[in-house]
């Protein structure tokens, strides 16, 4: 449009992805607090003399001045970054830690997939993404637990939360042993489709704990329960996305995570039952069907 001057505005954002552009520029994919997901050009950031190139690395929380129409009504869909100040550059803490780096990559890719429309505000997803990266950086909990908690809560924001306390088909309340991804979660015997999985009770309880933030229970679970939980969460997410996440198969599911200190009296494989979950939640036995 003739005579159009690009608008300057500020926002803070999480850096999701960077791509090379030309000889010295980059396209930065951002999840912003107030303007949703957008892409912006950072001029000259690949030069050694760049003033703020190091601040625009993946997983960083940055304060930006951008040029462009925040509503996307005028001009190019690509904005331009004119200033960048680092608030918390979490990516530096992940470079030497493969489990945390791959988990952060899966979080960033999921955030991008859950925001299919650019410049559509998604404050709750922004806060969720930033909180997950903070938790990974601090090492509060095992990396796989943080990732699965993020995926479950992200799906809840998108309206895809798996049914865990009632049948996904008929709504019958209670603990149901079968779990069907196409059906939407736990299913009762009458609604169970062929090929439904039969996870351990502790696995379903872990999914509930991660969704509600019951970290006391989640931190005390054993590796086998966490792996089964991760498999169900990944399958449920990718079913609704209708495509696989490239970073998810790279996540290290076997390495011990930081901050996973079992509570007093809870040794390996001893999981305290969740409140109201019933005595079966303390074990990881499977039913043969």
C-alpha atoms as a PDB file:
ATOM      1  CA  UNK A   1       0.000   0.000   0.000  1.00  0.00           C
ATOM      2  CA  UNK A   2       1.448   3.365  -1.076  1.00  0.00           C
ATOM      3  CA  UNK A   3       2.567   5.546   1.787  1.00  0.00           C
ATOM      4  CA  UNK A   4       2.213   2.786   4.410  1.00  0.00           C
ATOM      5  CA  UNK A   5       4.625   3.204   7.307  1.00  0.00           C
ATOM      6  CA  UNK A   6       5.258   0.193   9.502  1.00  0.00           C
ATOM      7  CA  UNK A   7       4.000   0.497  13.044  1.00  0.00           C
ATOM      8  CA  UNK A   8       6.410   0.040  15.970  1.00  0.00           C
ATOM      9  CA  UNK A   9       5.207  -1.913  18.991  1.00  0.00           C
ATOM     10  CA  UNK A  10       6.682  -3.891  21.886  1.00  0.00           C
ATOM     11  CA  UNK A  11       5.904  -7.327  23.231  1.00  0.00           C
ATOM     12  CA  UNK A  12       7.689 -10.111  25.061  1.00  0.00           C
ATOM     13  CA  UNK A  13       7.974 -13.493  23.447  1.00  0.00           C
ATOM     14  CA  UNK A  14       9.364 -17.014  23.566  1.00  0.00           C
ATOM     15  CA  UNK A  15      11.630 -17.886  20.625  1.00  0.00           C
ATOM     16  CA  UNK A  16      10.285 -21.098  19.088  1.00  0.00           C
ATOM     17  CA  UNK A  17      12.406 -21.501  15.949  1.00  0.00           C
ATOM     18  CA  UNK A  18      15.040 -19.780  13.831  1.00  0.00           C
ATOM     19  CA  UNK A  19      15.672 -20.108  10.083  1.00  0.00           C
ATOM     20  CA  UNK A  20      18.448 -18.732   7.912  1.00  0.00           C
ATOM     21  CA  UNK A  21      17.546 -15.968   5.467  1.00  0.00           C
ATOM     22  CA  UNK A  22      20.086 -14.769   2.936  1.00  0.00           C
ATOM     23  CA  UNK A  23      23.684 -14.375   4.023  1.00  0.00           C
ATOM     24  CA  UNK A  24      23.292 -12.708   7.398  1.00  0.00           C
ATOM     25  CA  UNK A  25      19.609 -12.592   8.389  1.00  0.00           C
ATOM     26  CA  UNK A  26      17.247 -14.941  10.160  1.00  0.00           C
ATOM     27  CA  UNK A  27      13.505 -15.513  10.316  1.00  0.00           C
ATOM     28  CA  UNK A  28      12.480 -15.905  13.961  1.00  0.00           C
ATOM     29  CA  UNK A  29       9.268 -17.710  14.888  1.00  0.00           C
ATOM     30  CA  UNK A  30       7.916 -16.207  18.100  1.00  0.00           C
ATOM     31  CA  UNK A  31       5.112 -16.926  20.526  1.00  0.00           C
ATOM     32  CA  UNK A  32       4.290 -13.510  21.929  1.00  0.00           C
ATOM     33  CA  UNK A  33       2.348 -12.603  25.032  1.00  0.00           C
ATOM     34  CA  UNK A  34      -0.104 -10.225  23.397  1.00  0.00           C
ATOM     35  CA  UNK A  35      -0.097 -11.018  19.678  1.00  0.00           C
ATOM     36  CA  UNK A  36       0.091 -14.808  19.443  1.00  0.00           C
ATOM     37  CA  UNK A  37       2.486 -16.548  17.091  1.00  0.00           C
ATOM     38  CA  UNK A  38       4.227 -14.480  14.477  1.00  0.00           C
ATOM     39  CA  UNK A  39       7.340 -14.512  12.314  1.00  0.00           C
ATOM     40  CA  UNK A  40       9.836 -11.691  12.181  1.00  0.00           C
ATOM     41  CA  UNK A  41      13.037 -10.929  10.296  1.00  0.00           C
ATOM     42  CA  UNK A  42      16.155 -10.195  12.350  1.00  0.00           C
ATOM     43  CA  UNK A  43      18.552  -8.318  10.084  1.00  0.00           C
ATOM     44  CA  UNK A  44      22.260  -9.086  10.314  1.00  0.00           C
ATOM     45  CA  UNK A  45      22.010 -11.334  13.371  1.00  0.00           C
ATOM     46  CA  UNK A  46      24.345 -13.951  11.875  1.00  0.00           C
ATOM     47  CA  UNK A  47      27.192 -11.447  11.678  1.00  0.00           C
ATOM     48  CA  UNK A  48      29.753 -11.518  14.471  1.00  0.00           C
ATOM     49  CA  UNK A  49      29.136  -7.803  14.994  1.00  0.00           C
ATOM     50  CA  UNK A  50      25.403  -8.237  15.585  1.00  0.00           C
ATOM     51  CA  UNK A  51      24.146  -6.369  18.642  1.00  0.00           C
ATOM     52  CA  UNK A  52      21.461  -8.852  19.630  1.00  0.00           C
ATOM     53  CA  UNK A  53      21.989 -12.054  17.629  1.00  0.00           C
ATOM     54  CA  UNK A  54      22.775 -14.144  20.720  1.00  0.00           C
ATOM     55  CA  UNK A  55      19.508 -13.071  22.342  1.00  0.00           C
ATOM     56  CA  UNK A  56      17.412 -14.552  19.552  1.00  0.00           C
ATOM     57  CA  UNK A  57      18.248 -18.216  20.032  1.00  0.00           C
ATOM     58  CA  UNK A  58      15.568 -20.887  20.548  1.00  0.00           C
ATOM     59  CA  UNK A  59      13.838 -21.194  23.945  1.00  0.00           C
ATOM     60  CA  UNK A  60      14.760 -17.693  25.087  1.00  0.00           C
ATOM     61  CA  UNK A  61      12.324 -15.286  26.739  1.00  0.00           C
ATOM     62  CA  UNK A  62      12.934 -11.887  25.166  1.00  0.00           C
ATOM     63  CA  UNK A  63      11.528  -8.371  25.149  1.00  0.00           C
ATOM     64  CA  UNK A  64      11.209  -7.079  21.582  1.00  0.00           C
ATOM     65  CA  UNK A  65      10.497  -3.980  19.577  1.00  0.00           C
ATOM     66  CA  UNK A  66       8.910  -4.991  16.293  1.00  0.00           C
ATOM     67  CA  UNK A  67       7.969  -3.136  13.130  1.00  0.00           C
ATOM     68  CA  UNK A  68       4.825  -4.197  11.296  1.00  0.00           C
ATOM     69  CA  UNK A  69       1.078  -4.316  11.638  1.00  0.00           C
ATOM     70  CA  UNK A  70       0.332  -6.412  14.764  1.00  0.00           C
ATOM     71  CA  UNK A  71      -3.098  -7.303  13.331  1.00  0.00           C
ATOM     72  CA  UNK A  72      -1.754  -8.274   9.922  1.00  0.00           C
ATOM     73  CA  UNK A  73      -4.104  -5.991   8.003  1.00  0.00           C
ATOM     74  CA  UNK A  74      -1.407  -4.080   6.131  1.00  0.00           C
ATOM     75  CA  UNK A  75       2.040  -4.739   4.716  1.00  0.00           C
ATOM     76  CA  UNK A  76       4.037  -7.959   4.775  1.00  0.00           C
ATOM     77  CA  UNK A  77       3.208 -10.911   7.018  1.00  0.00           C
ATOM     78  CA  UNK A  78       6.838 -10.825   8.167  1.00  0.00           C
ATOM     79  CA  UNK A  79       7.602  -8.294  10.877  1.00  0.00           C
ATOM     80  CA  UNK A  80      11.046  -6.835  11.551  1.00  0.00           C
ATOM     81  CA  UNK A  81      12.859  -6.980  14.888  1.00  0.00           C
ATOM     82  CA  UNK A  82      14.487  -3.641  15.638  1.00  0.00           C
ATOM     83  CA  UNK A  83      15.407  -4.248  19.291  1.00  0.00           C
ATOM     84  CA  UNK A  84      15.830  -7.347  21.450  1.00  0.00           C
ATOM     85  CA  UNK A  85      16.532  -7.578  25.172  1.00  0.00           C
ATOM     86  CA  UNK A  86      17.015 -10.898  26.903  1.00  0.00           C
ATOM     87  CA  UNK A  87      14.764 -11.593  29.892  1.00  0.00           C
ATOM     88  CA  UNK A  88      15.787 -15.223  30.453  1.00  0.00           C
ATOM     89  CA  UNK A  89      17.849 -17.066  27.820  1.00  0.00           C
ATOM     90  CA  UNK A  90      16.992 -20.643  28.769  1.00  0.00           C
ATOM     91  CA  UNK A  91      18.568 -22.130  25.639  1.00  0.00           C
ATOM     92  CA  UNK A  92      22.060 -21.650  27.070  1.00  0.00           C
ATOM     93  CA  UNK A  93      21.226 -24.016  29.932  1.00  0.00           C
ATOM     94  CA  UNK A  94      20.110 -26.787  27.562  1.00  0.00           C
ATOM     95  CA  UNK A  95      23.074 -26.887  25.162  1.00  0.00           C
ATOM     96  CA  UNK A  96      25.035 -29.480  27.127  1.00  0.00           C
ATOM     97  CA  UNK A  97      22.012 -31.492  28.295  1.00  0.00           C
ATOM     98  CA  UNK A  98      20.522 -33.709  25.594  1.00  0.00           C
ATOM     99  CA  UNK A  99      17.343 -34.762  27.498  1.00  0.00           C
ATOM    100  CA  UNK A 100      16.432 -31.186  28.371  1.00  0.00           C
ATOM    101  CA  UNK A 101      17.308 -29.847  24.909  1.00  0.00           C
ATOM    102  CA  UNK A 102      15.131 -32.397  23.117  1.00  0.00           C
ATOM    103  CA  UNK A 103      12.267 -31.872  25.567  1.00  0.00           C
ATOM    104  CA  UNK A 104      12.492 -28.105  25.007  1.00  0.00           C
ATOM    105  CA  UNK A 105      12.485 -28.713  21.246  1.00  0.00           C
ATOM    106  CA  UNK A 106       9.306 -30.791  21.545  1.00  0.00           C
ATOM    107  CA  UNK A 107       7.680 -28.047  23.646  1.00  0.00           C
ATOM    108  CA  UNK A 108       8.569 -25.373  21.083  1.00  0.00           C
ATOM    109  CA  UNK A 109       7.331 -27.465  18.157  1.00  0.00           C
ATOM    110  CA  UNK A 110       4.071 -28.254  19.968  1.00  0.00           C
ATOM    111  CA  UNK A 111       3.504 -24.570  20.741  1.00  0.00           C
ATOM    112  CA  UNK A 112       3.902 -23.780  17.060  1.00  0.00           C
ATOM    113  CA  UNK A 113       1.490 -26.545  16.028  1.00  0.00           C
ATOM    114  CA  UNK A 114      -1.116 -25.439  18.579  1.00  0.00           C
ATOM    115  CA  UNK A 115      -1.176 -21.922  17.085  1.00  0.00           C
ATOM    116  CA  UNK A 116      -2.110 -22.546  13.439  1.00  0.00           C
ATOM    117  CA  UNK A 117      -3.316 -18.963  12.923  1.00  0.00           C
ATOM    118  CA  UNK A 118      -0.685 -16.220  13.093  1.00  0.00           C
ATOM    119  CA  UNK A 119      -1.301 -13.140  15.227  1.00  0.00           C
ATOM    120  CA  UNK A 120      -4.156 -14.782  17.120  1.00  0.00           C
ATOM    121  CA  UNK A 121      -3.560 -14.000  20.836  1.00  0.00           C
ATOM    122  CA  UNK A 122      -3.087 -17.071  23.034  1.00  0.00           C
ATOM    123  CA  UNK A 123      -2.052 -15.801  26.453  1.00  0.00           C
ATOM    124  CA  UNK A 124      -2.655 -19.085  28.299  1.00  0.00           C
ATOM    125  CA  UNK A 125      -0.526 -21.055  25.831  1.00  0.00           C
ATOM    126  CA  UNK A 126       2.212 -18.421  26.085  1.00  0.00           C
ATOM    127  CA  UNK A 127       2.210 -18.680  29.889  1.00  0.00           C
ATOM    128  CA  UNK A 128       2.148 -22.481  29.723  1.00  0.00           C
ATOM    129  CA  UNK A 129       5.077 -22.597  27.287  1.00  0.00           C
ATOM    130  CA  UNK A 130       7.129 -20.124  29.288  1.00  0.00           C
ATOM    131  CA  UNK A 131       6.405 -22.001  32.528  1.00  0.00           C
ATOM    132  CA  UNK A 132       7.472 -25.331  31.009  1.00  0.00           C
ATOM    133  CA  UNK A 133      10.783 -23.891  29.788  1.00  0.00           C
ATOM    134  CA  UNK A 134      11.396 -22.312  33.200  1.00  0.00           C
ATOM    135  CA  UNK A 135      10.783 -25.646  34.907  1.00  0.00           C
ATOM    136  CA  UNK A 136      13.174 -27.422  32.533  1.00  0.00           C
ATOM    137  CA  UNK A 137      15.840 -24.795  33.133  1.00  0.00           C
ATOM    138  CA  UNK A 138      15.521 -25.042  36.918  1.00  0.00           C
ATOM    139  CA  UNK A 139      15.455 -28.838  36.900  1.00  0.00           C
ATOM    140  CA  UNK A 140      12.424 -28.920  39.192  1.00  0.00           C
ATOM    141  CA  UNK A 141      11.186 -32.254  37.849  1.00  0.00           C
ATOM    142  CA  UNK A 142      12.207 -34.996  35.440  1.00  0.00           C
ATOM    143  CA  UNK A 143      12.306 -33.724  31.870  1.00  0.00           C
ATOM    144  CA  UNK A 144       9.778 -36.264  30.601  1.00  0.00           C
ATOM    145  CA  UNK A 145       7.305 -35.306  33.321  1.00  0.00           C
ATOM    146  CA  UNK A 146       7.587 -31.620  32.446  1.00  0.00           C
ATOM    147  CA  UNK A 147       7.130 -32.397  28.756  1.00  0.00           C
ATOM    148  CA  UNK A 148       4.128 -34.664  29.269  1.00  0.00           C
ATOM    149  CA  UNK A 149       2.521 -32.169  31.644  1.00  0.00           C
ATOM    150  CA  UNK A 150       2.958 -29.488  28.983  1.00  0.00           C
ATOM    151  CA  UNK A 151       1.476 -31.689  26.259  1.00  0.00           C
ATOM    152  CA  UNK A 152      -1.540 -32.651  28.387  1.00  0.00           C
ATOM    153  CA  UNK A 153      -2.272 -29.077  29.428  1.00  0.00           C
ATOM    154  CA  UNK A 154      -1.682 -27.801  25.895  1.00  0.00           C
ATOM    155  CA  UNK A 155      -4.213 -30.313  24.587  1.00  0.00           C
ATOM    156  CA  UNK A 156      -6.650 -29.172  27.278  1.00  0.00           C
ATOM    157  CA  UNK A 157      -6.327 -25.582  26.013  1.00  0.00           C
ATOM    158  CA  UNK A 158      -6.978 -26.804  22.477  1.00  0.00           C
ATOM    159  CA  UNK A 159     -10.024 -28.810  23.583  1.00  0.00           C
ATOM    160  CA  UNK A 160      -8.361 -32.200  23.088  1.00  0.00           C
ATOM    161  CA  UNK A 161      -7.872 -33.273  26.703  1.00  0.00           C
ATOM    162  CA  UNK A 162      -8.120 -37.076  27.055  1.00  0.00           C
ATOM    163  CA  UNK A 163     -11.004 -38.335  29.172  1.00  0.00           C
ATOM    164  CA  UNK A 164      -9.528 -39.884  32.344  1.00  0.00           C
ATOM    165  CA  UNK A 165     -12.261 -39.914  34.990  1.00  0.00           C
ATOM    166  CA  UNK A 166     -15.228 -40.871  32.795  1.00  0.00           C
ATOM    167  CA  UNK A 167     -15.879 -42.810  29.617  1.00  0.00           C
ATOM    168  CA  UNK A 168     -14.942 -40.731  26.594  1.00  0.00           C
ATOM    169  CA  UNK A 169     -17.905 -42.117  24.617  1.00  0.00           C
ATOM    170  CA  UNK A 170     -20.900 -42.408  26.960  1.00  0.00           C
ATOM    171  CA  UNK A 171     -19.677 -40.318  29.903  1.00  0.00           C
ATOM    172  CA  UNK A 172     -20.065 -43.039  32.524  1.00  0.00           C
ATOM    173  CA  UNK A 173     -17.989 -41.842  35.511  1.00  0.00           C
ATOM    174  CA  UNK A 174     -15.377 -43.987  37.198  1.00  0.00           C
ATOM    175  CA  UNK A 175     -12.051 -45.684  36.574  1.00  0.00           C
ATOM    176  CA  UNK A 176     -12.086 -47.455  33.223  1.00  0.00           C
ATOM    177  CA  UNK A 177      -9.209 -49.750  32.327  1.00  0.00           C
ATOM    178  CA  UNK A 178      -9.331 -49.415  28.542  1.00  0.00           C
ATOM    179  CA  UNK A 179      -7.857 -46.382  26.749  1.00  0.00           C
ATOM    180  CA  UNK A 180      -8.607 -45.567  23.118  1.00  0.00           C
ATOM    181  CA  UNK A 181      -6.903 -42.655  21.395  1.00  0.00           C
ATOM    182  CA  UNK A 182      -9.467 -42.418  18.542  1.00  0.00           C
ATOM    183  CA  UNK A 183     -12.312 -42.517  21.069  1.00  0.00           C
ATOM    184  CA  UNK A 184     -10.789 -39.710  23.134  1.00  0.00           C
ATOM    185  CA  UNK A 185      -9.396 -41.399  26.253  1.00  0.00           C
ATOM    186  CA  UNK A 186     -10.595 -43.924  28.813  1.00  0.00           C
ATOM    187  CA  UNK A 187     -13.566 -46.026  27.718  1.00  0.00           C
ATOM    188  CA  UNK A 188     -15.933 -48.305  29.612  1.00  0.00           C
ATOM    189  CA  UNK A 189     -16.324 -52.021  28.736  1.00  0.00           C
ATOM    190  CA  UNK A 190     -19.498 -51.341  26.736  1.00  0.00           C
ATOM    191  CA  UNK A 191     -17.848 -48.651  24.581  1.00  0.00           C
ATOM    192  CA  UNK A 192     -14.378 -50.184  24.266  1.00  0.00           C
ATOM    193  CA  UNK A 193     -13.400 -50.408  20.580  1.00  0.00           C
ATOM    194  CA  UNK A 194     -11.190 -53.202  19.205  1.00  0.00           C
ATOM    195  CA  UNK A 195      -7.494 -52.561  19.742  1.00  0.00           C
ATOM    196  CA  UNK A 196      -7.928 -50.336  22.786  1.00  0.00           C
ATOM    197  CA  UNK A 197      -4.920 -50.174  25.118  1.00  0.00           C
ATOM    198  CA  UNK A 198      -5.057 -51.322  28.735  1.00  0.00           C
ATOM    199  CA  UNK A 199      -2.612 -49.120  30.660  1.00  0.00           C
ATOM    200  CA  UNK A 200      -1.730 -49.738  34.278  1.00  0.00           C
ATOM    201  CA  UNK A 201      -3.883 -47.852  36.803  1.00  0.00           C
ATOM    202  CA  UNK A 202      -0.817 -45.907  37.927  1.00  0.00           C
ATOM    203  CA  UNK A 203      -0.312 -44.691  34.354  1.00  0.00           C
ATOM    204  CA  UNK A 204      -3.765 -43.133  34.168  1.00  0.00           C
ATOM    205  CA  UNK A 205      -3.233 -41.634  37.619  1.00  0.00           C
ATOM    206  CA  UNK A 206       0.041 -40.117  36.426  1.00  0.00           C
ATOM    207  CA  UNK A 207      -1.737 -38.523  33.474  1.00  0.00           C
ATOM    208  CA  UNK A 208      -4.301 -37.058  35.881  1.00  0.00           C
ATOM    209  CA  UNK A 209      -1.558 -35.840  38.228  1.00  0.00           C
ATOM    210  CA  UNK A 210       0.323 -34.092  35.412  1.00  0.00           C
ATOM    211  CA  UNK A 211      -2.868 -32.457  34.195  1.00  0.00           C
ATOM    212  CA  UNK A 212      -3.782 -31.093  37.625  1.00  0.00           C
ATOM    213  CA  UNK A 213      -0.234 -30.329  38.832  1.00  0.00           C
ATOM    214  CA  UNK A 214       0.043 -33.019  41.516  1.00  0.00           C
ATOM    215  CA  UNK A 215       3.858 -33.126  41.402  1.00  0.00           C
ATOM    216  CA  UNK A 216       4.181 -35.009  44.700  1.00  0.00           C
ATOM    217  CA  UNK A 217       2.581 -38.029  43.069  1.00  0.00           C
ATOM    218  CA  UNK A 218       4.215 -37.525  39.667  1.00  0.00           C
ATOM    219  CA  UNK A 219       7.755 -37.243  41.034  1.00  0.00           C
ATOM    220  CA  UNK A 220       7.402 -40.545  42.897  1.00  0.00           C
ATOM    221  CA  UNK A 221       6.397 -42.648  39.892  1.00  0.00           C
ATOM    222  CA  UNK A 222       8.737 -45.211  38.397  1.00  0.00           C
ATOM    223  CA  UNK A 223      10.282 -45.232  34.926  1.00  0.00           C
ATOM    224  CA  UNK A 224       7.965 -47.856  33.431  1.00  0.00           C
ATOM    225  CA  UNK A 225       4.866 -45.893  34.400  1.00  0.00           C
ATOM    226  CA  UNK A 226       6.335 -42.705  32.955  1.00  0.00           C
ATOM    227  CA  UNK A 227       7.191 -44.385  29.668  1.00  0.00           C
ATOM    228  CA  UNK A 228       3.700 -45.805  29.281  1.00  0.00           C
ATOM    229  CA  UNK A 229       2.243 -42.406  30.114  1.00  0.00           C
ATOM    230  CA  UNK A 230       4.495 -40.733  27.527  1.00  0.00           C
ATOM    231  CA  UNK A 231       3.397 -43.191  24.863  1.00  0.00           C
ATOM    232  CA  UNK A 232      -0.296 -42.516  25.458  1.00  0.00           C
ATOM    233  CA  UNK A 233       0.195 -38.747  25.609  1.00  0.00           C
ATOM    234  CA  UNK A 234       2.245 -38.680  22.390  1.00  0.00           C
ATOM    235  CA  UNK A 235      -0.263 -40.874  20.558  1.00  0.00           C
ATOM    236  CA  UNK A 236      -3.194 -38.750  21.708  1.00  0.00           C
ATOM    237  CA  UNK A 237      -1.500 -35.493  20.685  1.00  0.00           C
ATOM    238  CA  UNK A 238      -0.376 -36.667  17.262  1.00  0.00           C
ATOM    239  CA  UNK A 239      -3.803 -38.165  16.523  1.00  0.00           C
ATOM    240  CA  UNK A 240      -5.397 -34.742  16.978  1.00  0.00           C
ATOM    241  CA  UNK A 241      -2.613 -32.875  15.175  1.00  0.00           C
ATOM    242  CA  UNK A 242      -2.996 -35.366  12.301  1.00  0.00           C
ATOM    243  CA  UNK A 243       0.759 -35.442  11.836  1.00  0.00           C
ATOM    244  CA  UNK A 244       3.794 -36.532  13.820  1.00  0.00           C
ATOM    245  CA  UNK A 245       6.033 -34.187  15.769  1.00  0.00           C
ATOM    246  CA  UNK A 246       9.575 -34.361  14.390  1.00  0.00           C
ATOM    247  CA  UNK A 247      11.241 -33.686  17.742  1.00  0.00           C
ATOM    248  CA  UNK A 248       9.193 -36.070  19.889  1.00  0.00           C
ATOM    249  CA  UNK A 249      10.973 -39.342  18.885  1.00  0.00           C
ATOM    250  CA  UNK A 250      14.308 -37.735  19.823  1.00  0.00           C
ATOM    251  CA  UNK A 251      13.340 -37.135  23.463  1.00  0.00           C
ATOM    252  CA  UNK A 252      15.414 -39.220  25.871  1.00  0.00           C
ATOM    253  CA  UNK A 253      12.895 -41.241  27.883  1.00  0.00           C
ATOM    254  CA  UNK A 254      15.407 -43.269  29.884  1.00  0.00           C
ATOM    255  CA  UNK A 255      17.757 -40.718  31.436  1.00  0.00           C
ATOM    256  CA  UNK A 256      17.086 -39.808  35.060  1.00  0.00           C
ATOM    257  CA  UNK A 257      15.795 -36.271  35.395  1.00  0.00           C
ATOM    258  CA  UNK A 258      16.768 -33.531  37.770  1.00  0.00           C
ATOM    259  CA  UNK A 259      14.685 -32.870  40.801  1.00  0.00           C
ATOM    260  CA  UNK A 260      13.111 -36.330  41.028  1.00  0.00           C
ATOM    261  CA  UNK A 261      13.581 -36.981  44.712  1.00  0.00           C
ATOM    262  CA  UNK A 262      11.096 -39.560  46.037  1.00  0.00           C
ATOM    263  CA  UNK A 263       9.270 -38.656  49.238  1.00  0.00           C
ATOM    264  CA  UNK A 264      10.267 -40.289  52.532  1.00  0.00           C
ATOM    265  CA  UNK A 265       9.434 -43.982  52.561  1.00  0.00           C
ATOM    266  CA  UNK A 266       8.966 -44.181  48.809  1.00  0.00           C
ATOM    267  CA  UNK A 267      11.711 -46.258  47.272  1.00  0.00           C
ATOM    268  CA  UNK A 268      12.056 -47.351  43.647  1.00  0.00           C
ATOM    269  CA  UNK A 269       8.781 -48.683  42.315  1.00  0.00           C
ATOM    270  CA  UNK A 270       6.801 -47.603  45.401  1.00  0.00           C
ATOM    271  CA  UNK A 271       4.210 -45.043  44.328  1.00  0.00           C
ATOM    272  CA  UNK A 272       1.905 -43.466  46.896  1.00  0.00           C
ATOM    273  CA  UNK A 273      -1.739 -43.624  45.793  1.00  0.00           C
ATOM    274  CA  UNK A 274      -3.319 -40.347  44.768  1.00  0.00           C
ATOM    275  CA  UNK A 275      -6.016 -38.986  46.995  1.00  0.00           C
ATOM    276  CA  UNK A 276      -9.337 -40.473  45.950  1.00  0.00           C
ATOM    277  CA  UNK A 277      -7.710 -42.737  43.382  1.00  0.00           C
ATOM    278  CA  UNK A 278      -8.316 -45.983  45.251  1.00  0.00           C
ATOM    279  CA  UNK A 279      -5.817 -48.648  46.337  1.00  0.00           C
ATOM    280  CA  UNK A 280      -5.209 -49.865  42.790  1.00  0.00           C
ATOM    281  CA  UNK A 281      -3.360 -46.644  41.993  1.00  0.00           C
ATOM    282  CA  UNK A 282      -0.399 -47.705  44.129  1.00  0.00           C
ATOM    283  CA  UNK A 283       0.610 -50.504  41.759  1.00  0.00           C
ATOM    284  CA  UNK A 284       1.540 -50.868  38.139  1.00  0.00           C
ATOM    285  CA  UNK A 285       0.110 -54.313  37.472  1.00  0.00           C
ATOM    286  CA  UNK A 286      -1.613 -54.886  34.162  1.00  0.00           C
ATOM    287  CA  UNK A 287      -4.744 -56.821  33.480  1.00  0.00           C
ATOM    288  CA  UNK A 288      -4.522 -59.541  30.884  1.00  0.00           C
ATOM    289  CA  UNK A 289      -7.299 -59.183  28.335  1.00  0.00           C
END
